[in-house]
Amino acid sequence: MADQLSMDMVVLILAAAVATFLTRIGGYVLITRMKTIPPRMEQALNAVPAAVLTTLVAPAFFNGGWGVKIAMLAALVVGVRYPGLLLLGVGWAAAMICRHLLGF
């Protein structure tokens, strides 16, 4: 493993770490220096959770098999009406049923 870690790779990892840190701390510093948040910025910040959730769920849905699709749809149906923990349980149960009983 040590022979695979070149100096270029170390520099790349450190640069990515610094960029991530500066991005995170930059947003915090920017927001804390404002007296009020402009309405457009507030709208953009309110859209972040939906955007992050979409980037996590969409690839799994479109690249996964039928078992993944059925489990996600079952979780969606339950999630519209009930709290998150039940959503996770139903999604997990649907995935296990699809994998072990239906062979998806």
PDB file of N, CA and C in Angstrom:
ATOM      1  N   MET A   1       0.820  -1.189   0.000  1.00  0.00           N
ATOM      2  CA  MET A   1       0.000   0.000   0.000  1.00  0.00           C
ATOM      3  C   MET A   1       0.865   1.255   0.000  1.00  0.00           C
ATOM      4  N   ALA A   2       1.964   1.237   0.725  1.00  0.00           N
ATOM      5  CA  ALA A   2       2.812   2.419   0.813  1.00  0.00           C
ATOM      6  C   ALA A   2       3.418   2.778  -0.536  1.00  0.00           C
ATOM      7  N   ASP A   3       3.710   1.793  -1.378  1.00  0.00           N
ATOM      8  CA  ASP A   3       4.299   2.092  -2.675  1.00  0.00           C
ATOM      9  C   ASP A   3       3.281   2.692  -3.645  1.00  0.00           C
ATOM     10  N   GLN A   4       1.994   2.576  -3.371  1.00  0.00           N
ATOM     11  CA  GLN A   4       0.957   3.142  -4.227  1.00  0.00           C
ATOM     12  C   GLN A   4       0.668   4.606  -3.908  1.00  0.00           C
ATOM     13  N   LEU A   5       1.084   5.083  -2.757  1.00  0.00           N
ATOM     14  CA  LEU A   5       0.801   6.451  -2.330  1.00  0.00           C
ATOM     15  C   LEU A   5       1.933   7.369  -2.791  1.00  0.00           C
ATOM     16  N   SER A   6       1.766   7.979  -3.956  1.00  0.00           N
ATOM     17  CA  SER A   6       2.795   8.857  -4.498  1.00  0.00           C
ATOM     18  C   SER A   6       2.639  10.265  -3.915  1.00  0.00           C
ATOM     19  N   MET A   7       3.627  11.069  -4.160  1.00  0.00           N
ATOM     20  CA  MET A   7       3.598  12.444  -3.672  1.00  0.00           C
ATOM     21  C   MET A   7       2.477  13.235  -4.353  1.00  0.00           C
ATOM     22  N   ASP A   8       2.207  12.936  -5.620  1.00  0.00           N
ATOM     23  CA  ASP A   8       1.107  13.605  -6.317  1.00  0.00           C
ATOM     24  C   ASP A   8      -0.227  13.312  -5.632  1.00  0.00           C
ATOM     25  N   MET A   9      -0.396  12.067  -5.203  1.00  0.00           N
ATOM     26  CA  MET A   9      -1.645  11.688  -4.544  1.00  0.00           C
ATOM     27  C   MET A   9      -1.777  12.394  -3.196  1.00  0.00           C
ATOM     28  N   VAL A  10      -0.698  12.513  -2.466  1.00  0.00           N
ATOM     29  CA  VAL A  10      -0.723  13.202  -1.171  1.00  0.00           C
ATOM     30  C   VAL A  10      -1.084  14.669  -1.365  1.00  0.00           C
ATOM     31  N   VAL A  11      -0.498  15.304  -2.373  1.00  0.00           N
ATOM     32  CA  VAL A  11      -0.794  16.710  -2.648  1.00  0.00           C
ATOM     33  C   VAL A  11      -2.255  16.866  -3.056  1.00  0.00           C
ATOM     34  N   LEU A  12      -2.761  15.948  -3.863  1.00  0.00           N
ATOM     35  CA  LEU A  12      -4.155  15.998  -4.284  1.00  0.00           C
ATOM     36  C   LEU A  12      -5.101  15.858  -3.090  1.00  0.00           C
ATOM     37  N   ILE A  13      -4.821  14.929  -2.202  1.00  0.00           N
ATOM     38  CA  ILE A  13      -5.657  14.731  -1.013  1.00  0.00           C
ATOM     39  C   ILE A  13      -5.626  15.963  -0.120  1.00  0.00           C
ATOM     40  N   LEU A  14      -4.454  16.524   0.096  1.00  0.00           N
ATOM     41  CA  LEU A  14      -4.343  17.729   0.930  1.00  0.00           C
ATOM     42  C   LEU A  14      -5.053  18.922   0.287  1.00  0.00           C
ATOM     43  N   ALA A  15      -4.926  19.069  -1.033  1.00  0.00           N
ATOM     44  CA  ALA A  15      -5.602  20.172  -1.725  1.00  0.00           C
ATOM     45  C   ALA A  15      -7.121  20.017  -1.620  1.00  0.00           C
ATOM     46  N   ALA A  16      -7.621  18.809  -1.759  1.00  0.00           N
ATOM     47  CA  ALA A  16      -9.057  18.571  -1.630  1.00  0.00           C
ATOM     48  C   ALA A  16      -9.527  18.864  -0.207  1.00  0.00           C
ATOM     49  N   ALA A  17      -8.720  18.497   0.781  1.00  0.00           N
ATOM     50  CA  ALA A  17      -9.080  18.774   2.173  1.00  0.00           C
ATOM     51  C   ALA A  17      -9.128  20.277   2.437  1.00  0.00           C
ATOM     52  N   VAL A  18      -8.150  21.011   1.935  1.00  0.00           N
ATOM     53  CA  VAL A  18      -8.119  22.466   2.129  1.00  0.00           C
ATOM     54  C   VAL A  18      -9.307  23.122   1.411  1.00  0.00           C
ATOM     55  N   ALA A  19      -9.593  22.686   0.186  1.00  0.00           N
ATOM     56  CA  ALA A  19     -10.724  23.255  -0.556  1.00  0.00           C
ATOM     57  C   ALA A  19     -12.039  22.985   0.165  1.00  0.00           C
ATOM     58  N   THR A  20     -12.214  21.782   0.696  1.00  0.00           N
ATOM     59  CA  THR A  20     -13.430  21.452   1.433  1.00  0.00           C
ATOM     60  C   THR A  20     -13.549  22.306   2.688  1.00  0.00           C
ATOM     61  N   PHE A  21     -12.452  22.446   3.423  1.00  0.00           N
ATOM     62  CA  PHE A  21     -12.468  23.254   4.643  1.00  0.00           C
ATOM     63  C   PHE A  21     -12.800  24.707   4.327  1.00  0.00           C
ATOM     64  N   LEU A  22     -12.161  25.274   3.304  1.00  0.00           N
ATOM     65  CA  LEU A  22     -12.401  26.675   2.970  1.00  0.00           C
ATOM     66  C   LEU A  22     -13.832  26.904   2.494  1.00  0.00           C
ATOM     67  N   THR A  23     -14.386  25.953   1.773  1.00  0.00           N
ATOM     68  CA  THR A  23     -15.768  26.075   1.327  1.00  0.00           C
ATOM     69  C   THR A  23     -16.719  26.086   2.513  1.00  0.00           C
ATOM     70  N   ARG A  24     -16.496  25.170   3.441  1.00  0.00           N
ATOM     71  CA  ARG A  24     -17.386  25.095   4.602  1.00  0.00           C
ATOM     72  C   ARG A  24     -17.243  26.308   5.516  1.00  0.00           C
ATOM     73  N   ILE A  25     -16.026  26.691   5.817  1.00  0.00           N
ATOM     74  CA  ILE A  25     -15.814  27.812   6.735  1.00  0.00           C
ATOM     75  C   ILE A  25     -16.197  29.134   6.060  1.00  0.00           C
ATOM     76  N   GLY A  26     -16.035  29.215   4.739  1.00  0.00           N
ATOM     77  CA  GLY A  26     -16.402  30.424   4.010  1.00  0.00           C
ATOM     78  C   GLY A  26     -17.889  30.716   4.100  1.00  0.00           C
ATOM     79  N   GLY A  27     -18.717  29.679   3.946  1.00  0.00           N
ATOM     80  CA  GLY A  27     -20.154  29.867   4.074  1.00  0.00           C
ATOM     81  C   GLY A  27     -20.550  30.309   5.461  1.00  0.00           C
ATOM     82  N   TYR A  28     -19.922  29.714   6.461  1.00  0.00           N
ATOM     83  CA  TYR A  28     -20.219  30.081   7.851  1.00  0.00           C
ATOM     84  C   TYR A  28     -19.834  31.541   8.108  1.00  0.00           C
ATOM     85  N   VAL A  29     -18.658  31.935   7.678  1.00  0.00           N
ATOM     86  CA  VAL A  29     -18.194  33.309   7.906  1.00  0.00           C
ATOM     87  C   VAL A  29     -19.098  34.297   7.169  1.00  0.00           C
ATOM     88  N   LEU A  30     -19.475  33.967   5.947  1.00  0.00           N
ATOM     89  CA  LEU A  30     -20.333  34.851   5.164  1.00  0.00           C
ATOM     90  C   LEU A  30     -21.685  35.059   5.846  1.00  0.00           C
ATOM     91  N   ILE A  31     -22.295  33.985   6.298  1.00  0.00           N
ATOM     92  CA  ILE A  31     -23.620  34.082   6.928  1.00  0.00           C
ATOM     93  C   ILE A  31     -23.548  34.819   8.263  1.00  0.00           C
ATOM     94  N   THR A  32     -22.521  34.567   9.068  1.00  0.00           N
ATOM     95  CA  THR A  32     -22.443  35.205  10.387  1.00  0.00           C
ATOM     96  C   THR A  32     -22.161  36.698  10.295  1.00  0.00           C
ATOM     97  N   ARG A  33     -21.599  37.185   9.209  1.00  0.00           N
ATOM     98  CA  ARG A  33     -21.309  38.617   9.074  1.00  0.00           C
ATOM     99  C   ARG A  33     -22.493  39.416   8.548  1.00  0.00           C
ATOM    100  N   MET A  34     -23.512  38.723   8.108  1.00  0.00           N
ATOM    101  CA  MET A  34     -24.702  39.429   7.602  1.00  0.00           C
ATOM    102  C   MET A  34     -25.644  39.753   8.757  1.00  0.00           C
ATOM    103  N   LYS A  35     -26.241  40.937   8.705  1.00  0.00           N
ATOM    104  CA  LYS A  35     -27.242  41.289   9.706  1.00  0.00           C
ATOM    105  C   LYS A  35     -28.556  40.577   9.396  1.00  0.00           C
ATOM    106  N   THR A  36     -28.930  40.560   8.133  1.00  0.00           N
ATOM    107  CA  THR A  36     -30.112  39.818   7.691  1.00  0.00           C
ATOM    108  C   THR A  36     -29.736  39.043   6.433  1.00  0.00           C
ATOM    109  N   ILE A  37     -30.420  37.956   6.229  1.00  0.00           N
ATOM    110  CA  ILE A  37     -30.181  37.148   5.032  1.00  0.00           C
ATOM    111  C   ILE A  37     -31.122  37.641   3.938  1.00  0.00           C
ATOM    112  N   PRO A  38     -30.581  37.977   2.765  1.00  0.00           N
ATOM    113  CA  PRO A  38     -31.451  38.431   1.664  1.00  0.00           C
ATOM    114  C   PRO A  38     -32.439  37.331   1.269  1.00  0.00           C
ATOM    115  N   PRO A  39     -33.625  37.726   0.813  1.00  0.00           N
ATOM    116  CA  PRO A  39     -34.654  36.729   0.476  1.00  0.00           C
ATOM    117  C   PRO A  39     -34.206  35.706  -0.565  1.00  0.00           C
ATOM    118  N   ARG A  40     -33.460  36.121  -1.580  1.00  0.00           N
ATOM    119  CA  ARG A  40     -33.004  35.174  -2.608  1.00  0.00           C
ATOM    120  C   ARG A  40     -32.025  34.161  -2.027  1.00  0.00           C
ATOM    121  N   MET A  41     -31.159  34.616  -1.127  1.00  0.00           N
ATOM    122  CA  MET A  41     -30.228  33.686  -0.499  1.00  0.00           C
ATOM    123  C   MET A  41     -30.978  32.712   0.409  1.00  0.00           C
ATOM    124  N   GLU A  42     -31.983  33.214   1.104  1.00  0.00           N
ATOM    125  CA  GLU A  42     -32.776  32.332   1.958  1.00  0.00           C
ATOM    126  C   GLU A  42     -33.504  31.272   1.132  1.00  0.00           C
ATOM    127  N   GLN A  43     -34.024  31.656  -0.017  1.00  0.00           N
ATOM    128  CA  GLN A  43     -34.663  30.693  -0.910  1.00  0.00           C
ATOM    129  C   GLN A  43     -33.665  29.647  -1.396  1.00  0.00           C
ATOM    130  N   ALA A  44     -32.453  30.091  -1.730  1.00  0.00           N
ATOM    131  CA  ALA A  44     -31.421  29.158  -2.185  1.00  0.00           C
ATOM    132  C   ALA A  44     -31.033  28.201  -1.063  1.00  0.00           C
ATOM    133  N   LEU A  45     -30.892  28.706   0.143  1.00  0.00           N
ATOM    134  CA  LEU A  45     -30.539  27.843   1.277  1.00  0.00           C
ATOM    135  C   LEU A  45     -31.660  26.859   1.598  1.00  0.00           C
ATOM    136  N   ASN A  46     -32.908  27.277   1.426  1.00  0.00           N
ATOM    137  CA  ASN A  46     -34.036  26.376   1.662  1.00  0.00           C
ATOM    138  C   ASN A  46     -34.102  25.261   0.623  1.00  0.00           C
ATOM    139  N   ALA A  47     -33.527  25.480  -0.559  1.00  0.00           N
ATOM    140  CA  ALA A  47     -33.544  24.465  -1.617  1.00  0.00           C
ATOM    141  C   ALA A  47     -32.430  23.433  -1.463  1.00  0.00           C
ATOM    142  N   VAL A  48     -31.453  23.686  -0.621  1.00  0.00           N
ATOM    143  CA  VAL A  48     -30.301  22.787  -0.491  1.00  0.00           C
ATOM    144  C   VAL A  48     -30.692  21.380  -0.029  1.00  0.00           C
ATOM    145  N   PRO A  49     -31.517  21.192   1.005  1.00  0.00           N
ATOM    146  CA  PRO A  49     -31.828  19.821   1.420  1.00  0.00           C
ATOM    147  C   PRO A  49     -32.468  18.981   0.311  1.00  0.00           C
ATOM    148  N   ALA A  50     -33.378  19.557  -0.453  1.00  0.00           N
ATOM    149  CA  ALA A  50     -34.004  18.813  -1.542  1.00  0.00           C
ATOM    150  C   ALA A  50     -32.991  18.469  -2.628  1.00  0.00           C
ATOM    151  N   ALA A  51     -32.077  19.383  -2.903  1.00  0.00           N
ATOM    152  CA  ALA A  51     -31.051  19.120  -3.920  1.00  0.00           C
ATOM    153  C   ALA A  51     -30.107  18.013  -3.477  1.00  0.00           C
ATOM    154  N   VAL A  52     -29.713  18.034  -2.219  1.00  0.00           N
ATOM    155  CA  VAL A  52     -28.814  16.994  -1.703  1.00  0.00           C
ATOM    156  C   VAL A  52     -29.514  15.644  -1.706  1.00  0.00           C
ATOM    157  N   LEU A  53     -30.755  15.607  -1.266  1.00  0.00           N
ATOM    158  CA  LEU A  53     -31.503  14.356  -1.258  1.00  0.00           C
ATOM    159  C   LEU A  53     -31.654  13.801  -2.670  1.00  0.00           C
ATOM    160  N   THR A  54     -31.917  14.671  -3.629  1.00  0.00           N
ATOM    161  CA  THR A  54     -32.055  14.230  -5.014  1.00  0.00           C
ATOM    162  C   THR A  54     -30.753  13.647  -5.544  1.00  0.00           C
ATOM    163  N   THR A  55     -29.625  14.264  -5.224  1.00  0.00           N
ATOM    164  CA  THR A  55     -28.348  13.742  -5.716  1.00  0.00           C
ATOM    165  C   THR A  55     -27.991  12.411  -5.072  1.00  0.00           C
ATOM    166  N   LEU A  56     -28.526  12.127  -3.909  1.00  0.00           N
ATOM    167  CA  LEU A  56     -28.259  10.846  -3.266  1.00  0.00           C
ATOM    168  C   LEU A  56     -29.207   9.748  -3.740  1.00  0.00           C
ATOM    169  N   VAL A  57     -30.464  10.098  -3.967  1.00  0.00           N
ATOM    170  CA  VAL A  57     -31.488   9.099  -4.269  1.00  0.00           C
ATOM    171  C   VAL A  57     -31.572   8.790  -5.768  1.00  0.00           C
ATOM    172  N   ALA A  58     -31.495   9.784  -6.620  1.00  0.00           N
ATOM    173  CA  ALA A  58     -31.712   9.583  -8.055  1.00  0.00           C
ATOM    174  C   ALA A  58     -30.765   8.553  -8.676  1.00  0.00           C
ATOM    175  N   PRO A  59     -29.450   8.603  -8.434  1.00  0.00           N
ATOM    176  CA  PRO A  59     -28.586   7.588  -9.053  1.00  0.00           C
ATOM    177  C   PRO A  59     -28.931   6.168  -8.612  1.00  0.00           C
ATOM    178  N   ALA A  60     -29.258   5.996  -7.344  1.00  0.00           N
ATOM    179  CA  ALA A  60     -29.615   4.657  -6.864  1.00  0.00           C
ATOM    180  C   ALA A  60     -30.904   4.187  -7.526  1.00  0.00           C
ATOM    181  N   PHE A  61     -31.853   5.091  -7.696  1.00  0.00           N
ATOM    182  CA  PHE A  61     -33.123   4.709  -8.313  1.00  0.00           C
ATOM    183  C   PHE A  61     -32.933   4.322  -9.778  1.00  0.00           C
ATOM    184  N   PHE A  62     -32.202   5.127 -10.535  1.00  0.00           N
ATOM    185  CA  PHE A  62     -32.071   4.880 -11.966  1.00  0.00           C
ATOM    186  C   PHE A  62     -31.037   3.809 -12.306  1.00  0.00           C
ATOM    187  N   ASN A  63     -30.056   3.591 -11.449  1.00  0.00           N
ATOM    188  CA  ASN A  63     -29.041   2.577 -11.720  1.00  0.00           C
ATOM    189  C   ASN A  63     -29.306   1.261 -11.007  1.00  0.00           C
ATOM    190  N   GLY A  64     -30.198   1.266 -10.028  1.00  0.00           N
ATOM    191  CA  GLY A  64     -30.499   0.061  -9.261  1.00  0.00           C
ATOM    192  C   GLY A  64     -31.474  -0.839 -10.006  1.00  0.00           C
ATOM    193  N   GLY A  65     -31.624  -2.031  -9.492  1.00  0.00           N
ATOM    194  CA  GLY A  65     -32.548  -2.982 -10.089  1.00  0.00           C
ATOM    195  C   GLY A  65     -33.975  -2.737  -9.629  1.00  0.00           C
ATOM    196  N   TRP A  66     -34.844  -3.675  -9.975  1.00  0.00           N
ATOM    197  CA  TRP A  66     -36.247  -3.545  -9.602  1.00  0.00           C
ATOM    198  C   TRP A  66     -36.450  -3.566  -8.095  1.00  0.00           C
ATOM    199  N   GLY A  67     -35.620  -4.306  -7.383  1.00  0.00           N
ATOM    200  CA  GLY A  67     -35.740  -4.343  -5.928  1.00  0.00           C
ATOM    201  C   GLY A  67     -35.526  -2.973  -5.301  1.00  0.00           C
ATOM    202  N   VAL A  68     -34.535  -2.251  -5.807  1.00  0.00           N
ATOM    203  CA  VAL A  68     -34.249  -0.896  -5.301  1.00  0.00           C
ATOM    204  C   VAL A  68     -35.409   0.035  -5.626  1.00  0.00           C
ATOM    205  N   LYS A  69     -35.909  -0.059  -6.842  1.00  0.00           N
ATOM    206  CA  LYS A  69     -37.017   0.814  -7.244  1.00  0.00           C
ATOM    207  C   LYS A  69     -38.267   0.550  -6.396  1.00  0.00           C
ATOM    208  N   ILE A  70     -38.595  -0.706  -6.182  1.00  0.00           N
ATOM    209  CA  ILE A  70     -39.770  -1.050  -5.380  1.00  0.00           C
ATOM    210  C   ILE A  70     -39.591  -0.580  -3.941  1.00  0.00           C
ATOM    211  N   ALA A  71     -38.400  -0.795  -3.370  1.00  0.00           N
ATOM    212  CA  ALA A  71     -38.144  -0.363  -1.993  1.00  0.00           C
ATOM    213  C   ALA A  71     -38.248   1.153  -1.861  1.00  0.00           C
ATOM    214  N   MET A  72     -37.701   1.892  -2.823  1.00  0.00           N
ATOM    215  CA  MET A  72     -37.763   3.352  -2.764  1.00  0.00           C
ATOM    216  C   MET A  72     -39.189   3.857  -2.929  1.00  0.00           C
ATOM    217  N   LEU A  73     -39.951   3.239  -3.817  1.00  0.00           N
ATOM    218  CA  LEU A  73     -41.335   3.666  -3.986  1.00  0.00           C
ATOM    219  C   LEU A  73     -42.172   3.348  -2.751  1.00  0.00           C
ATOM    220  N   ALA A  74     -41.932   2.190  -2.131  1.00  0.00           N
ATOM    221  CA  ALA A  74     -42.644   1.855  -0.894  1.00  0.00           C
ATOM    222  C   ALA A  74     -42.293   2.857   0.202  1.00  0.00           C
ATOM    223  N   ALA A  75     -41.018   3.206   0.309  1.00  0.00           N
ATOM    224  CA  ALA A  75     -40.589   4.184   1.313  1.00  0.00           C
ATOM    225  C   ALA A  75     -41.199   5.559   1.024  1.00  0.00           C
ATOM    226  N   LEU A  76     -41.292   5.922  -0.234  1.00  0.00           N
ATOM    227  CA  LEU A  76     -41.895   7.203  -0.599  1.00  0.00           C
ATOM    228  C   LEU A  76     -43.355   7.257  -0.190  1.00  0.00           C
ATOM    229  N   VAL A  77     -44.088   6.199  -0.477  1.00  0.00           N
ATOM    230  CA  VAL A  77     -45.517   6.165  -0.133  1.00  0.00           C
ATOM    231  C   VAL A  77     -45.698   6.289   1.377  1.00  0.00           C
ATOM    232  N   VAL A  78     -44.908   5.568   2.144  1.00  0.00           N
ATOM    233  CA  VAL A  78     -45.018   5.636   3.610  1.00  0.00           C
ATOM    234  C   VAL A  78     -44.513   6.978   4.124  1.00  0.00           C
ATOM    235  N   GLY A  79     -43.448   7.500   3.517  1.00  0.00           N
ATOM    236  CA  GLY A  79     -42.853   8.755   3.964  1.00  0.00           C
ATOM    237  C   GLY A  79     -43.747   9.957   3.793  1.00  0.00           C
ATOM    238  N   VAL A  80     -44.673   9.889   2.860  1.00  0.00           N
ATOM    239  CA  VAL A  80     -45.596  11.006   2.662  1.00  0.00           C
ATOM    240  C   VAL A  80     -46.529  11.150   3.863  1.00  0.00           C
ATOM    241  N   ARG A  81     -46.841  10.048   4.505  1.00  0.00           N
ATOM    242  CA  ARG A  81     -47.842  10.065   5.585  1.00  0.00           C
ATOM    243  C   ARG A  81     -47.256   9.909   6.985  1.00  0.00           C
ATOM    244  N   TYR A  82     -46.143   9.161   7.121  1.00  0.00           N
ATOM    245  CA  TYR A  82     -45.626   8.808   8.449  1.00  0.00           C
ATOM    246  C   TYR A  82     -44.207   9.341   8.645  1.00  0.00           C
ATOM    247  N   PRO A  83     -43.704   9.312   9.895  1.00  0.00           N
ATOM    248  CA  PRO A  83     -42.373   9.856  10.186  1.00  0.00           C
ATOM    249  C   PRO A  83     -41.232   9.036   9.570  1.00  0.00           C
ATOM    250  N   GLY A  84     -40.031   9.621   9.619  1.00  0.00           N
ATOM    251  CA  GLY A  84     -38.855   9.079   8.954  1.00  0.00           C
ATOM    252  C   GLY A  84     -38.422   7.695   9.380  1.00  0.00           C
ATOM    253  N   LEU A  85     -38.539   7.367  10.656  1.00  0.00           N
ATOM    254  CA  LEU A  85     -38.077   6.062  11.109  1.00  0.00           C
ATOM    255  C   LEU A  85     -38.918   4.947  10.501  1.00  0.00           C
ATOM    256  N   LEU A  86     -40.206   5.164  10.386  1.00  0.00           N
ATOM    257  CA  LEU A  86     -41.073   4.175   9.744  1.00  0.00           C
ATOM    258  C   LEU A  86     -40.735   4.060   8.258  1.00  0.00           C
ATOM    259  N   LEU A  87     -40.426   5.179   7.637  1.00  0.00           N
ATOM    260  CA  LEU A  87     -40.008   5.193   6.237  1.00  0.00           C
ATOM    261  C   LEU A  87     -38.793   4.306   6.035  1.00  0.00           C
ATOM    262  N   LEU A  88     -37.797   4.430   6.908  1.00  0.00           N
ATOM    263  CA  LEU A  88     -36.590   3.604   6.809  1.00  0.00           C
ATOM    264  C   LEU A  88     -36.916   2.129   6.989  1.00  0.00           C
ATOM    265  N   GLY A  89     -37.767   1.822   7.950  1.00  0.00           N
ATOM    266  CA  GLY A  89     -38.129   0.427   8.199  1.00  0.00           C
ATOM    267  C   GLY A  89     -38.859  -0.200   7.027  1.00  0.00           C
ATOM    268  N   VAL A  90     -39.795   0.540   6.445  1.00  0.00           N
ATOM    269  CA  VAL A  90     -40.552   0.017   5.299  1.00  0.00           C
ATOM    270  C   VAL A  90     -39.642  -0.139   4.083  1.00  0.00           C
ATOM    271  N   GLY A  91     -38.790   0.833   3.850  1.00  0.00           N
ATOM    272  CA  GLY A  91     -37.849   0.736   2.731  1.00  0.00           C
ATOM    273  C   GLY A  91     -36.922  -0.456   2.879  1.00  0.00           C
ATOM    274  N   TRP A  92     -36.398  -0.654   4.082  1.00  0.00           N
ATOM    275  CA  TRP A  92     -35.518  -1.796   4.345  1.00  0.00           C
ATOM    276  C   TRP A  92     -36.272  -3.110   4.170  1.00  0.00           C
ATOM    277  N   ALA A  93     -37.476  -3.197   4.737  1.00  0.00           N
ATOM    278  CA  ALA A  93     -38.264  -4.430   4.632  1.00  0.00           C
ATOM    279  C   ALA A  93     -38.597  -4.738   3.172  1.00  0.00           C
ATOM    280  N   ALA A  94     -38.960  -3.718   2.412  1.00  0.00           N
ATOM    281  CA  ALA A  94     -39.271  -3.930   0.998  1.00  0.00           C
ATOM    282  C   ALA A  94     -38.041  -4.404   0.232  1.00  0.00           C
ATOM    283  N   ALA A  95     -36.886  -3.838   0.536  1.00  0.00           N
ATOM    284  CA  ALA A  95     -35.649  -4.271  -0.130  1.00  0.00           C
ATOM    285  C   ALA A  95     -35.324  -5.717   0.216  1.00  0.00           C
ATOM    286  N   MET A  96     -35.485  -6.094   1.477  1.00  0.00           N
ATOM    287  CA  MET A  96     -35.196  -7.475   1.883  1.00  0.00           C
ATOM    288  C   MET A  96     -36.176  -8.468   1.253  1.00  0.00           C
ATOM    289  N   ILE A  97     -37.440  -8.088   1.186  1.00  0.00           N
ATOM    290  CA  ILE A  97     -38.439  -8.963   0.551  1.00  0.00           C
ATOM    291  C   ILE A  97     -38.121  -9.130  -0.928  1.00  0.00           C
ATOM    292  N   CYS A  98     -37.772  -8.029  -1.585  1.00  0.00           N
ATOM    293  CA  CYS A  98     -37.437  -8.121  -3.012  1.00  0.00           C
ATOM    294  C   CYS A  98     -36.198  -8.973  -3.250  1.00  0.00           C
ATOM    295  N   ARG A  99     -35.202  -8.838  -2.400  1.00  0.00           N
ATOM    296  CA  ARG A  99     -33.961  -9.588  -2.592  1.00  0.00           C
ATOM    297  C   ARG A  99     -34.094 -11.061  -2.246  1.00  0.00           C
ATOM    298  N   HIS A 100     -34.708 -11.344  -1.113  1.00  0.00           N
ATOM    299  CA  HIS A 100     -34.698 -12.716  -0.616  1.00  0.00           C
ATOM    300  C   HIS A 100     -35.897 -13.543  -1.054  1.00  0.00           C
ATOM    301  N   LEU A 101     -37.054 -12.932  -1.192  1.00  0.00           N
ATOM    302  CA  LEU A 101     -38.238 -13.709  -1.563  1.00  0.00           C
ATOM    303  C   LEU A 101     -38.553 -13.623  -3.050  1.00  0.00           C
ATOM    304  N   LEU A 102     -38.369 -12.467  -3.642  1.00  0.00           N
ATOM    305  CA  LEU A 102     -38.713 -12.286  -5.048  1.00  0.00           C
ATOM    306  C   LEU A 102     -37.522 -12.445  -5.975  1.00  0.00           C
ATOM    307  N   GLY A 103     -36.313 -12.390  -5.442  1.00  0.00           N
ATOM    308  CA  GLY A 103     -35.098 -12.579  -6.240  1.00  0.00           C
ATOM    309  C   GLY A 103     -34.704 -11.403  -7.096  1.00  0.00           C
ATOM    310  N   PHE A 104     -35.153 -10.194  -6.777  1.00  0.00           N
ATOM    311  CA  PHE A 104     -34.770  -9.001  -7.541  1.00  0.00           C
ATOM    312  C   PHE A 104     -33.398  -8.559  -7.153  1.00  0.00           C
TER     313      PHE A 104
END
